N, C-alpha and C. Protein backbone atom coordinates (compact mmCIF):
# COMPACT_ATOMS: atom_id res chain seq x y z
N MET A 1 22.83 13.41 32.57
CA MET A 1 22.88 12.11 32.08
C MET A 1 24.25 11.60 32.03
N SER A 2 24.38 10.41 32.34
CA SER A 2 25.74 9.71 32.29
C SER A 2 25.98 9.40 30.86
N ASN A 3 27.26 9.08 30.56
CA ASN A 3 27.69 8.67 29.22
C ASN A 3 26.93 7.48 28.77
N ARG A 4 26.63 6.57 29.70
CA ARG A 4 26.02 5.34 29.31
C ARG A 4 24.50 5.64 28.96
N GLU A 5 23.90 6.48 29.67
CA GLU A 5 22.49 6.88 29.26
C GLU A 5 22.46 7.55 28.00
N VAL A 6 23.35 8.45 27.68
CA VAL A 6 23.48 9.13 26.43
C VAL A 6 23.69 8.07 25.27
N GLU A 7 24.57 7.17 25.47
CA GLU A 7 24.71 6.15 24.48
C GLU A 7 23.53 5.28 24.27
N GLU A 8 22.76 4.89 25.31
CA GLU A 8 21.67 4.06 25.26
C GLU A 8 20.50 4.89 24.43
N TYR A 9 20.38 6.18 24.77
CA TYR A 9 19.37 6.95 24.06
C TYR A 9 19.77 7.20 22.62
N ALA A 10 20.92 7.31 22.26
CA ALA A 10 21.44 7.50 20.89
C ALA A 10 21.13 6.12 20.12
N THR A 11 21.43 5.09 20.77
CA THR A 11 21.22 3.72 20.08
C THR A 11 19.72 3.48 19.86
N ALA A 12 18.93 3.77 20.92
CA ALA A 12 17.46 3.57 20.74
C ALA A 12 16.98 4.45 19.68
N ASN A 13 17.38 5.69 19.54
CA ASN A 13 16.91 6.52 18.44
C ASN A 13 17.32 6.13 17.00
N THR A 14 18.51 5.58 16.98
CA THR A 14 18.94 5.14 15.54
C THR A 14 18.30 3.92 15.09
N SER A 15 17.80 3.15 16.00
CA SER A 15 17.17 1.88 15.65
C SER A 15 15.72 2.03 15.16
N ARG A 16 15.13 3.25 15.35
CA ARG A 16 13.84 3.52 14.92
C ARG A 16 13.95 4.48 13.73
N THR A 17 13.16 4.13 12.71
CA THR A 17 13.14 4.95 11.62
C THR A 17 11.71 5.52 11.34
N ARG A 18 11.57 6.63 10.76
CA ARG A 18 10.18 7.25 10.50
C ARG A 18 9.73 6.69 9.17
N TRP A 19 8.54 6.02 9.20
CA TRP A 19 7.97 5.31 8.13
C TRP A 19 6.65 5.93 7.77
N ALA A 20 6.31 6.03 6.49
CA ALA A 20 5.01 6.54 6.03
C ALA A 20 4.35 5.35 5.34
N PHE A 21 3.16 4.99 5.82
CA PHE A 21 2.44 3.93 5.36
C PHE A 21 1.12 4.34 4.62
N ASP A 22 0.91 3.77 3.37
CA ASP A 22 -0.19 4.05 2.61
C ASP A 22 -1.24 3.09 2.96
N VAL A 23 -2.35 3.53 3.50
CA VAL A 23 -3.41 2.69 4.07
C VAL A 23 -4.75 2.87 3.37
N THR A 24 -5.64 2.01 3.48
CA THR A 24 -6.97 2.14 2.93
C THR A 24 -7.60 3.38 3.55
N PRO A 25 -8.11 4.27 2.82
CA PRO A 25 -8.78 5.39 3.29
C PRO A 25 -9.97 4.95 4.27
N GLY A 26 -9.96 5.60 5.44
CA GLY A 26 -10.96 5.25 6.45
C GLY A 26 -10.39 4.24 7.47
N ARG A 27 -9.29 3.71 7.12
CA ARG A 27 -8.70 2.65 8.09
C ARG A 27 -7.52 3.29 8.91
N GLU A 28 -7.31 4.58 8.81
CA GLU A 28 -6.12 5.21 9.41
C GLU A 28 -6.09 4.99 10.95
N ARG A 29 -7.25 5.19 11.52
CA ARG A 29 -7.23 5.05 13.05
C ARG A 29 -6.93 3.53 13.44
N HIS A 30 -7.59 2.65 12.74
CA HIS A 30 -7.30 1.16 13.04
C HIS A 30 -5.85 0.85 12.90
N VAL A 31 -5.29 1.27 11.78
CA VAL A 31 -3.84 0.99 11.62
C VAL A 31 -2.97 1.69 12.61
N ALA A 32 -3.23 2.92 12.94
CA ALA A 32 -2.52 3.68 13.96
C ALA A 32 -2.52 3.01 15.25
N LEU A 33 -3.66 2.49 15.73
CA LEU A 33 -3.75 1.72 16.98
C LEU A 33 -2.91 0.47 16.90
N GLN A 34 -2.97 -0.22 15.77
CA GLN A 34 -2.14 -1.48 15.60
C GLN A 34 -0.69 -1.17 15.70
N LEU A 35 -0.26 -0.10 15.06
CA LEU A 35 1.20 0.41 15.13
C LEU A 35 1.59 0.68 16.54
N GLN A 36 0.75 1.25 17.27
CA GLN A 36 1.08 1.52 18.72
C GLN A 36 1.24 0.32 19.53
N GLU A 37 0.33 -0.65 19.20
CA GLU A 37 0.40 -1.96 19.93
C GLU A 37 1.74 -2.73 19.57
N LEU A 38 2.22 -2.44 18.39
CA LEU A 38 3.54 -3.11 17.91
C LEU A 38 4.70 -2.37 18.51
N GLY A 39 4.56 -1.22 19.14
CA GLY A 39 5.67 -0.54 19.72
C GLY A 39 6.12 0.73 18.97
N CYS A 40 5.42 1.04 17.97
CA CYS A 40 5.69 2.26 17.16
C CYS A 40 5.37 3.51 17.97
N THR A 41 6.14 4.58 17.81
CA THR A 41 5.94 5.75 18.59
C THR A 41 5.68 6.98 17.61
N ASP A 42 5.30 8.05 18.14
CA ASP A 42 4.98 9.30 17.32
C ASP A 42 4.08 9.03 16.13
N VAL A 43 3.07 8.26 16.37
CA VAL A 43 2.06 7.83 15.32
C VAL A 43 1.25 9.06 14.92
N GLU A 44 1.23 9.33 13.58
CA GLU A 44 0.41 10.44 13.16
C GLU A 44 -0.44 10.05 12.03
N ARG A 45 -1.65 10.70 11.83
CA ARG A 45 -2.50 10.48 10.70
C ARG A 45 -2.64 11.90 9.91
N PRO A 46 -1.61 12.27 9.21
CA PRO A 46 -1.61 13.59 8.66
C PRO A 46 -2.66 13.85 7.61
N THR A 47 -3.07 12.80 6.81
CA THR A 47 -4.02 13.10 5.85
C THR A 47 -4.68 11.73 5.53
N LYS A 48 -5.81 11.77 4.91
CA LYS A 48 -6.59 10.50 4.61
C LYS A 48 -5.72 9.63 3.73
N GLY A 49 -5.62 8.28 4.17
CA GLY A 49 -4.88 7.30 3.42
C GLY A 49 -3.44 7.14 3.83
N TYR A 50 -2.93 7.87 4.92
CA TYR A 50 -1.63 7.79 5.34
C TYR A 50 -1.48 7.75 6.83
N VAL A 51 -0.50 7.00 7.30
CA VAL A 51 -0.15 6.92 8.64
C VAL A 51 1.44 7.02 8.71
N ILE A 52 1.94 7.84 9.63
CA ILE A 52 3.31 8.03 9.67
C ILE A 52 3.70 7.67 11.16
N ALA A 53 4.80 6.92 11.36
CA ALA A 53 5.30 6.47 12.62
C ALA A 53 6.77 6.22 12.71
N HIS A 54 7.26 6.34 13.95
CA HIS A 54 8.66 5.82 14.22
C HIS A 54 8.62 4.42 14.49
N CYS A 55 9.24 3.43 13.73
CA CYS A 55 9.08 2.04 14.04
C CYS A 55 10.49 1.39 13.84
N ASP A 56 10.60 0.35 14.55
CA ASP A 56 11.85 -0.52 14.41
C ASP A 56 11.77 -1.13 13.04
N PRO A 57 12.82 -1.12 12.21
CA PRO A 57 12.78 -1.62 10.86
C PRO A 57 12.40 -3.15 10.88
N THR A 58 12.68 -3.85 11.88
CA THR A 58 12.28 -5.29 11.95
C THR A 58 10.86 -5.48 12.10
N ALA A 59 10.10 -4.43 12.41
CA ALA A 59 8.62 -4.54 12.54
C ALA A 59 7.86 -4.38 11.25
N VAL A 60 8.54 -3.82 10.26
CA VAL A 60 7.90 -3.47 9.02
C VAL A 60 7.28 -4.68 8.27
N PRO A 61 8.02 -5.78 8.21
CA PRO A 61 7.22 -6.98 7.59
C PRO A 61 6.00 -7.33 8.26
N VAL A 62 5.85 -7.30 9.56
CA VAL A 62 4.57 -7.56 10.32
C VAL A 62 3.58 -6.42 9.89
N ILE A 63 4.02 -5.15 9.88
CA ILE A 63 3.15 -4.06 9.70
C ILE A 63 2.50 -4.14 8.23
N LYS A 64 3.34 -4.59 7.35
CA LYS A 64 2.88 -4.64 5.89
C LYS A 64 1.80 -5.68 5.75
N ARG A 65 1.61 -6.64 6.71
CA ARG A 65 0.61 -7.75 6.64
C ARG A 65 -0.71 -7.29 7.43
N LEU A 66 -0.66 -6.14 8.04
CA LEU A 66 -1.87 -5.66 8.79
C LEU A 66 -3.02 -5.38 7.82
N SER A 67 -4.20 -5.65 8.29
CA SER A 67 -5.32 -5.39 7.40
C SER A 67 -5.55 -3.85 7.39
N GLY A 68 -5.91 -3.36 6.21
CA GLY A 68 -6.11 -1.87 6.12
C GLY A 68 -4.95 -1.31 5.44
């Protein structure tokens, strides 16, 4: 990797934060799919009522308005 590639990778990773979202039980799959459509990565459904994902902080206000 060139220095530029390393810098771009580091910048991309720092702009994404791991978020845990409390969702309506039974709606985890629906919310996870919507998060992926919004560009979130590493979307997980660890337990009923929660979805965890790496998302850009600017996407959080949009995510909070999702149904479920």
